[in-house]
Amino acid sequence: MAQSTVKKKNNNVSTQQYLDILEIKDDTVIMRNGTIRAVLEVSSINFALKSEEEQNAIISSYVSFLNNISTPIQIVVQSRDLNIDNYIEYLKTKEREQTNRLLKLQTGEYIEYIKELVSMGKIMNKRFFVVIPYSPLTDKHKGFFAQLSEAFKPATVLKLKEAKFLRYKENLMRRVDSVFSALLSIGVDVKMLNTQKLIELYYNTYNPETVKNQTLADINSIQVEQ
């Protein structure tokens, strides 16, 4: 009976404590080890449609980017099944609002065409990200037992980060600006993810099935009781 009770208690433990992410705020991701991250979303290039000269120029720019980058980065490609439910609902709204009978009919036919096209095969949506980390120099001098102690005292680490967070973020933003400019020189569009977009990215990554039926609320609309 006692063993059964213990197992039940363990099942109620939140999985969040096993994630490396401690907090997301001020457009940055704070890790449990005291490092912070910024994430850039980068557009893709239809390489096959480029001329040979354009392809060579893109390759040359990318090689130059990799050779001249002075900070460690992580390039992530995320593939997900394309969800067009919101687009279909948008088209249905336009169909209902359409006063021209011919355009109303054509909109309905277009909706059916899109549905049939998607049903014929799996269409993937790809997104490209560049993760830029910053690790305080003091972390490099910590021994094994100091890091082990911090792992069991996340609140202590959090207070430390609060005191030094602005300085850490300032150093991180210098790296972001450097990588941002280098990516623009390749000819791609780049944007830095804000707090809301970061939460959505990681929530969708860890909950790919849940997100299909549950939309994440805007953080600005969430009220925290004092």
C-alpha atoms as a PDB file:
ATOM      1  CA  MET A   1       0.000   0.000   0.000  1.00  0.00           C
ATOM      2  CA  ALA A   2       2.844   2.384   0.905  1.00  0.00           C
ATOM      3  CA  GLN A   3       4.649   1.723  -2.381  1.00  0.00           C
ATOM      4  CA  SER A   4       1.472   2.487  -4.305  1.00  0.00           C
ATOM      5  CA  THR A   5       1.144   5.854  -2.532  1.00  0.00           C
ATOM      6  CA  VAL A   6       4.734   6.794  -3.355  1.00  0.00           C
ATOM      7  CA  LYS A   7       4.247   5.989  -7.029  1.00  0.00           C
ATOM      8  CA  LYS A   8       1.115   8.121  -7.147  1.00  0.00           C
ATOM      9  CA  LYS A   9       2.949  11.099  -5.680  1.00  0.00           C
ATOM     10  CA  ASN A  10       5.796  10.769  -8.196  1.00  0.00           C
ATOM     11  CA  ASN A  11       3.328  10.799 -11.081  1.00  0.00           C
ATOM     12  CA  ASN A  12       2.070  14.214  -9.967  1.00  0.00           C
ATOM     13  CA  VAL A  13       5.507  15.816 -10.301  1.00  0.00           C
ATOM     14  CA  SER A  14       5.556  18.418 -13.091  1.00  0.00           C
ATOM     15  CA  THR A  15       7.719  17.598 -16.104  1.00  0.00           C
ATOM     16  CA  GLN A  16       8.800  21.248 -16.210  1.00  0.00           C
ATOM     17  CA  GLN A  17      11.451  20.573 -13.579  1.00  0.00           C
ATOM     18  CA  TYR A  18      13.244  18.285 -16.039  1.00  0.00           C
ATOM     19  CA  LEU A  19      13.539  20.969 -18.739  1.00  0.00           C
ATOM     20  CA  ASP A  20      16.741  22.955 -19.156  1.00  0.00           C
ATOM     21  CA  ILE A  21      14.724  26.181 -19.449  1.00  0.00           C
ATOM     22  CA  LEU A  22      14.225  28.067 -16.191  1.00  0.00           C
ATOM     23  CA  GLU A  23      12.437  31.175 -17.449  1.00  0.00           C
ATOM     24  CA  ILE A  24      11.579  33.172 -20.565  1.00  0.00           C
ATOM     25  CA  LYS A  25      11.505  36.948 -20.182  1.00  0.00           C
ATOM     26  CA  ASP A  26      12.583  40.185 -21.894  1.00  0.00           C
ATOM     27  CA  ASP A  27      12.931  38.392 -25.248  1.00  0.00           C
ATOM     28  CA  THR A  28      15.506  35.968 -23.843  1.00  0.00           C
ATOM     29  CA  VAL A  29      15.573  32.360 -22.656  1.00  0.00           C
ATOM     30  CA  ILE A  30      17.169  31.803 -19.248  1.00  0.00           C
ATOM     31  CA  MET A  31      18.663  28.356 -18.743  1.00  0.00           C
ATOM     32  CA  ARG A  32      19.006  26.534 -15.435  1.00  0.00           C
ATOM     33  CA  ASN A  33      22.815  26.632 -15.690  1.00  0.00           C
ATOM     34  CA  GLY A  34      22.822  30.454 -15.664  1.00  0.00           C
ATOM     35  CA  THR A  35      23.333  31.000 -19.404  1.00  0.00           C
ATOM     36  CA  ILE A  36      20.894  32.926 -21.578  1.00  0.00           C
ATOM     37  CA  ARG A  37      19.748  32.589 -25.183  1.00  0.00           C
ATOM     38  CA  ALA A  38      18.274  34.712 -27.969  1.00  0.00           C
ATOM     39  CA  VAL A  39      16.546  33.141 -30.969  1.00  0.00           C
ATOM     40  CA  LEU A  40      16.446  34.544 -34.504  1.00  0.00           C
ATOM     41  CA  GLU A  41      13.952  33.296 -37.071  1.00  0.00           C
ATOM     42  CA  VAL A  42      15.428  33.255 -40.568  1.00  0.00           C
ATOM     43  CA  SER A  43      13.581  33.065 -43.881  1.00  0.00           C
ATOM     44  CA  SER A  44      14.440  30.441 -46.474  1.00  0.00           C
ATOM     45  CA  ILE A  45      15.823  30.881 -49.990  1.00  0.00           C
ATOM     46  CA  ASN A  46      14.483  28.957 -52.982  1.00  0.00           C
ATOM     47  CA  PHE A  47      17.972  27.971 -54.069  1.00  0.00           C
ATOM     48  CA  ALA A  48      16.846  25.876 -57.043  1.00  0.00           C
ATOM     49  CA  LEU A  49      15.170  28.848 -58.734  1.00  0.00           C
ATOM     50  CA  LYS A  50      18.299  30.983 -58.583  1.00  0.00           C
ATOM     51  CA  SER A  51      20.676  31.359 -61.518  1.00  0.00           C
ATOM     52  CA  GLU A  52      24.113  29.764 -61.304  1.00  0.00           C
ATOM     53  CA  GLU A  53      25.723  33.119 -60.528  1.00  0.00           C
ATOM     54  CA  GLU A  54      23.191  33.796 -57.775  1.00  0.00           C
ATOM     55  CA  GLN A  55      23.710  30.326 -56.319  1.00  0.00           C
ATOM     56  CA  ASN A  56      27.491  30.826 -56.240  1.00  0.00           C
ATOM     57  CA  ALA A  57      27.017  34.204 -54.567  1.00  0.00           C
ATOM     58  CA  ILE A  58      24.748  32.688 -51.898  1.00  0.00           C
ATOM     59  CA  ILE A  59      27.195  29.864 -51.211  1.00  0.00           C
ATOM     60  CA  SER A  60      30.077  32.323 -50.993  1.00  0.00           C
ATOM     61  CA  SER A  61      28.148  34.561 -48.579  1.00  0.00           C
ATOM     62  CA  TYR A  62      27.198  31.587 -46.388  1.00  0.00           C
ATOM     63  CA  VAL A  63      30.803  30.329 -46.262  1.00  0.00           C
ATOM     64  CA  SER A  64      31.950  33.830 -45.331  1.00  0.00           C
ATOM     65  CA  PHE A  65      29.286  33.962 -42.619  1.00  0.00           C
ATOM     66  CA  LEU A  66      30.478  30.683 -41.070  1.00  0.00           C
ATOM     67  CA  ASN A  67      34.164  31.648 -41.277  1.00  0.00           C
ATOM     68  CA  ASN A  68      33.743  35.115 -39.763  1.00  0.00           C
ATOM     69  CA  ILE A  69      31.249  34.399 -37.026  1.00  0.00           C
ATOM     70  CA  SER A  70      32.978  34.899 -33.671  1.00  0.00           C
ATOM     71  CA  THR A  71      30.348  33.416 -31.393  1.00  0.00           C
ATOM     72  CA  PRO A  72      28.944  29.895 -31.080  1.00  0.00           C
ATOM     73  CA  ILE A  73      25.504  29.464 -32.643  1.00  0.00           C
ATOM     74  CA  GLN A  74      23.011  26.669 -33.157  1.00  0.00           C
ATOM     75  CA  ILE A  75      21.113  26.341 -36.437  1.00  0.00           C
ATOM     76  CA  VAL A  76      17.733  24.614 -36.009  1.00  0.00           C
ATOM     77  CA  VAL A  77      15.316  23.456 -38.716  1.00  0.00           C
ATOM     78  CA  GLN A  78      11.820  22.673 -37.447  1.00  0.00           C
ATOM     79  CA  SER A  79       9.423  20.647 -39.612  1.00  0.00           C
ATOM     80  CA  ARG A  80       5.732  20.415 -38.802  1.00  0.00           C
ATOM     81  CA  ASP A  81       2.605  19.257 -40.626  1.00  0.00           C
ATOM     82  CA  LEU A  82       1.055  22.275 -42.314  1.00  0.00           C
ATOM     83  CA  ASN A  83      -2.116  23.312 -40.483  1.00  0.00           C
ATOM     84  CA  ILE A  84      -4.434  25.333 -42.743  1.00  0.00           C
ATOM     85  CA  ASP A  85      -7.501  25.345 -40.477  1.00  0.00           C
ATOM     86  CA  ASN A  86      -7.182  29.066 -39.742  1.00  0.00           C
ATOM     87  CA  TYR A  87      -6.721  29.812 -43.450  1.00  0.00           C
ATOM     88  CA  ILE A  88      -9.807  27.779 -44.343  1.00  0.00           C
ATOM     89  CA  GLU A  89     -11.867  29.613 -41.711  1.00  0.00           C
ATOM     90  CA  TYR A  90     -10.616  32.914 -43.109  1.00  0.00           C
ATOM     91  CA  LEU A  91     -11.716  31.909 -46.617  1.00  0.00           C
ATOM     92  CA  LYS A  92     -15.131  30.784 -45.351  1.00  0.00           C
ATOM     93  CA  THR A  93     -15.605  34.165 -43.702  1.00  0.00           C
ATOM     94  CA  LYS A  94     -14.753  35.894 -46.973  1.00  0.00           C
ATOM     95  CA  GLU A  95     -17.163  33.593 -48.782  1.00  0.00           C
ATOM     96  CA  ARG A  96     -20.014  34.540 -46.434  1.00  0.00           C
ATOM     97  CA  GLU A  97     -19.218  38.246 -46.766  1.00  0.00           C
ATOM     98  CA  GLN A  98     -19.011  38.118 -50.571  1.00  0.00           C
ATOM     99  CA  THR A  99     -21.969  39.870 -52.255  1.00  0.00           C
ATOM    100  CA  ASN A 100     -21.006  39.009 -55.812  1.00  0.00           C
ATOM    101  CA  ARG A 101     -22.584  35.623 -56.614  1.00  0.00           C
ATOM    102  CA  LEU A 102     -19.836  34.575 -59.079  1.00  0.00           C
ATOM    103  CA  LEU A 103     -17.014  35.480 -56.682  1.00  0.00           C
ATOM    104  CA  LYS A 104     -18.863  33.706 -53.864  1.00  0.00           C
ATOM    105  CA  LEU A 105     -19.034  30.545 -55.989  1.00  0.00           C
ATOM    106  CA  GLN A 106     -15.366  30.788 -56.978  1.00  0.00           C
ATOM    107  CA  THR A 107     -14.311  31.254 -53.355  1.00  0.00           C
ATOM    108  CA  GLY A 108     -16.230  28.103 -52.371  1.00  0.00           C
ATOM    109  CA  GLU A 109     -14.584  26.145 -55.187  1.00  0.00           C
ATOM    110  CA  TYR A 110     -11.160  27.418 -54.122  1.00  0.00           C
ATOM    111  CA  ILE A 111     -11.795  26.236 -50.547  1.00  0.00           C
ATOM    112  CA  GLU A 112     -12.637  22.737 -51.783  1.00  0.00           C
ATOM    113  CA  TYR A 113      -9.553  22.763 -54.026  1.00  0.00           C
ATOM    114  CA  ILE A 114      -7.261  23.642 -51.101  1.00  0.00           C
ATOM    115  CA  LYS A 115      -8.818  20.915 -48.934  1.00  0.00           C
ATOM    116  CA  GLU A 116      -8.364  18.305 -51.665  1.00  0.00           C
ATOM    117  CA  LEU A 117      -4.784  19.423 -52.335  1.00  0.00           C
ATOM    118  CA  VAL A 118      -3.804  19.020 -48.678  1.00  0.00           C
ATOM    119  CA  SER A 119      -5.575  15.651 -48.375  1.00  0.00           C
ATOM    120  CA  MET A 120      -3.578  14.206 -51.291  1.00  0.00           C
ATOM    121  CA  GLY A 121      -0.302  14.242 -49.398  1.00  0.00           C
ATOM    122  CA  LYS A 122       1.455  15.423 -46.271  1.00  0.00           C
ATOM    123  CA  ILE A 123       2.584  19.031 -46.658  1.00  0.00           C
ATOM    124  CA  MET A 124       5.290  20.133 -44.254  1.00  0.00           C
ATOM    125  CA  ASN A 125       5.951  23.612 -42.978  1.00  0.00           C
ATOM    126  CA  LYS A 126       9.631  24.337 -42.303  1.00  0.00           C
ATOM    127  CA  ARG A 127      10.935  27.088 -40.056  1.00  0.00           C
ATOM    128  CA  PHE A 128      14.572  28.046 -39.594  1.00  0.00           C
ATOM    129  CA  PHE A 129      16.104  29.397 -36.397  1.00  0.00           C
ATOM    130  CA  VAL A 130      19.509  30.536 -35.199  1.00  0.00           C
ATOM    131  CA  VAL A 131      20.048  30.245 -31.436  1.00  0.00           C
ATOM    132  CA  ILE A 132      22.636  32.604 -29.967  1.00  0.00           C
ATOM    133  CA  PRO A 133      23.899  31.809 -26.446  1.00  0.00           C
ATOM    134  CA  TYR A 134      25.730  33.850 -23.858  1.00  0.00           C
ATOM    135  CA  SER A 135      27.560  32.201 -20.981  1.00  0.00           C
ATOM    136  CA  PRO A 136      28.982  34.356 -18.149  1.00  0.00           C
ATOM    137  CA  LEU A 137      32.728  33.875 -17.726  1.00  0.00           C
ATOM    138  CA  THR A 138      32.214  33.012 -14.046  1.00  0.00           C
ATOM    139  CA  ASP A 139      30.456  29.784 -15.071  1.00  0.00           C
ATOM    140  CA  LYS A 140      33.667  28.500 -16.640  1.00  0.00           C
ATOM    141  CA  HIS A 141      35.413  28.531 -13.266  1.00  0.00           C
ATOM    142  CA  LYS A 142      32.761  26.626 -11.361  1.00  0.00           C
ATOM    143  CA  GLY A 143      33.675  23.173 -10.181  1.00  0.00           C
ATOM    144  CA  PHE A 144      31.573  20.049 -10.440  1.00  0.00           C
ATOM    145  CA  PHE A 145      30.234  20.238  -6.873  1.00  0.00           C
ATOM    146  CA  ALA A 146      29.281  23.918  -7.261  1.00  0.00           C
ATOM    147  CA  GLN A 147      27.278  23.127 -10.399  1.00  0.00           C
ATOM    148  CA  LEU A 148      25.698  20.113  -8.692  1.00  0.00           C
ATOM    149  CA  SER A 149      24.661  22.278  -5.741  1.00  0.00           C
ATOM    150  CA  GLU A 150      23.039  24.838  -8.068  1.00  0.00           C
ATOM    151  CA  ALA A 151      21.062  22.091  -9.757  1.00  0.00           C
ATOM    152  CA  PHE A 152      19.245  21.458  -6.464  1.00  0.00           C
ATOM    153  CA  LYS A 153      18.867  25.162  -5.594  1.00  0.00           C
ATOM    154  CA  PRO A 154      17.343  26.833  -8.680  1.00  0.00           C
ATOM    155  CA  ALA A 155      15.916  29.692  -6.582  1.00  0.00           C
ATOM    156  CA  THR A 156      19.425  30.738  -5.549  1.00  0.00           C
ATOM    157  CA  VAL A 157      20.565  30.767  -9.159  1.00  0.00           C
ATOM    158  CA  LEU A 158      17.504  32.802 -10.114  1.00  0.00           C
ATOM    159  CA  LYS A 159      18.348  35.528  -7.569  1.00  0.00           C
ATOM    160  CA  LEU A 160      21.882  35.664  -8.913  1.00  0.00           C
ATOM    161  CA  LYS A 161      20.618  36.089 -12.442  1.00  0.00           C
ATOM    162  CA  GLU A 162      18.208  38.848 -11.411  1.00  0.00           C
ATOM    163  CA  ALA A 163      21.150  40.876 -10.109  1.00  0.00           C
ATOM    164  CA  LYS A 164      23.247  40.407 -13.249  1.00  0.00           C
ATOM    165  CA  PHE A 165      20.598  39.804 -15.902  1.00  0.00           C
ATOM    166  CA  LEU A 166      20.792  43.225 -17.547  1.00  0.00           C
ATOM    167  CA  ARG A 167      24.574  42.969 -17.927  1.00  0.00           C
ATOM    168  CA  TYR A 168      24.300  39.472 -19.352  1.00  0.00           C
ATOM    169  CA  LYS A 169      21.607  40.556 -21.782  1.00  0.00           C
ATOM    170  CA  GLU A 170      23.667  43.537 -22.938  1.00  0.00           C
ATOM    171  CA  ASN A 171      26.525  41.193 -23.833  1.00  0.00           C
ATOM    172  CA  LEU A 172      24.083  38.830 -25.542  1.00  0.00           C
ATOM    173  CA  MET A 173      22.634  41.654 -27.658  1.00  0.00           C
ATOM    174  CA  ARG A 174      26.088  42.479 -28.995  1.00  0.00           C
ATOM    175  CA  ARG A 175      26.337  38.937 -30.301  1.00  0.00           C
ATOM    176  CA  VAL A 176      22.803  39.120 -31.675  1.00  0.00           C
ATOM    177  CA  ASP A 177      23.582  42.310 -33.608  1.00  0.00           C
ATOM    178  CA  SER A 178      26.690  40.722 -35.115  1.00  0.00           C
ATOM    179  CA  VAL A 179      24.905  37.552 -36.229  1.00  0.00           C
ATOM    180  CA  PHE A 180      21.858  39.531 -37.372  1.00  0.00           C
ATOM    181  CA  SER A 181      23.952  41.719 -39.700  1.00  0.00           C
ATOM    182  CA  ALA A 182      25.891  38.738 -41.050  1.00  0.00           C
ATOM    183  CA  LEU A 183      22.668  36.871 -41.905  1.00  0.00           C
ATOM    184  CA  LEU A 184      21.225  39.913 -43.672  1.00  0.00           C
ATOM    185  CA  SER A 185      24.295  40.007 -45.897  1.00  0.00           C
ATOM    186  CA  ILE A 186      23.373  36.540 -47.195  1.00  0.00           C
ATOM    187  CA  GLY A 187      20.066  37.916 -48.464  1.00  0.00           C
ATOM    188  CA  VAL A 188      17.614  36.375 -45.984  1.00  0.00           C
ATOM    189  CA  ASP A 189      15.025  38.053 -43.781  1.00  0.00           C
ATOM    190  CA  VAL A 190      15.794  37.914 -40.071  1.00  0.00           C
ATOM    191  CA  LYS A 191      13.744  38.729 -36.986  1.00  0.00           C
ATOM    192  CA  MET A 192      14.444  38.232 -33.305  1.00  0.00           C
ATOM    193  CA  LEU A 193      11.726  36.367 -31.421  1.00  0.00           C
ATOM    194  CA  ASN A 194      10.115  38.327 -28.593  1.00  0.00           C
ATOM    195  CA  THR A 195       8.908  36.819 -25.326  1.00  0.00           C
ATOM    196  CA  GLN A 196       5.518  35.747 -26.719  1.00  0.00           C
ATOM    197  CA  LYS A 197       7.058  34.134 -29.805  1.00  0.00           C
ATOM    198  CA  LEU A 198       9.691  32.350 -27.712  1.00  0.00           C
ATOM    199  CA  ILE A 199       7.022  30.876 -25.436  1.00  0.00           C
ATOM    200  CA  GLU A 200       5.020  29.748 -28.473  1.00  0.00           C
ATOM    201  CA  LEU A 201       8.108  28.204 -30.076  1.00  0.00           C
ATOM    202  CA  TYR A 202       9.095  26.123 -27.063  1.00  0.00           C
ATOM    203  CA  TYR A 203       5.508  25.260 -26.174  1.00  0.00           C
ATOM    204  CA  ASN A 204       4.899  24.010 -29.719  1.00  0.00           C
ATOM    205  CA  THR A 205       8.191  22.120 -29.684  1.00  0.00           C
ATOM    206  CA  TYR A 206       7.471  20.248 -26.457  1.00  0.00           C
ATOM    207  CA  ASN A 207       3.713  19.837 -27.117  1.00  0.00           C
ATOM    208  CA  PRO A 208       3.303  19.180 -30.862  1.00  0.00           C
ATOM    209  CA  GLU A 209       0.052  17.257 -30.435  1.00  0.00           C
ATOM    210  CA  THR A 210      -1.565  19.466 -27.793  1.00  0.00           C
ATOM    211  CA  VAL A 211      -1.032  22.646 -29.787  1.00  0.00           C
ATOM    212  CA  LYS A 212      -3.203  21.331 -32.623  1.00  0.00           C
ATOM    213  CA  ASN A 213      -6.309  21.612 -30.428  1.00  0.00           C
ATOM    214  CA  GLN A 214      -5.250  24.227 -27.900  1.00  0.00           C
ATOM    215  CA  THR A 215      -4.154  27.757 -28.759  1.00  0.00           C
ATOM    216  CA  LEU A 216      -1.621  29.359 -26.443  1.00  0.00           C
ATOM    217  CA  ALA A 217      -2.920  32.566 -24.827  1.00  0.00           C
ATOM    218  CA  ASP A 218      -1.220  35.905 -25.335  1.00  0.00           C
ATOM    219  CA  ILE A 219       0.976  36.596 -22.306  1.00  0.00           C
ATOM    220  CA  ASN A 220      -0.257  40.213 -22.245  1.00  0.00           C
ATOM    221  CA  SER A 221      -3.788  38.973 -21.547  1.00  0.00           C
ATOM    222  CA  ILE A 222      -2.756  36.819 -18.613  1.00  0.00           C
ATOM    223  CA  GLN A 223      -3.285  38.403 -15.198  1.00  0.00           C
ATOM    224  CA  VAL A 224      -1.234  37.215 -12.258  1.00  0.00           C
ATOM    225  CA  GLU A 225      -2.852  37.426  -8.854  1.00  0.00           C
ATOM    226  CA  GLN A 226      -0.778  39.277  -6.323  1.00  0.00           C
END
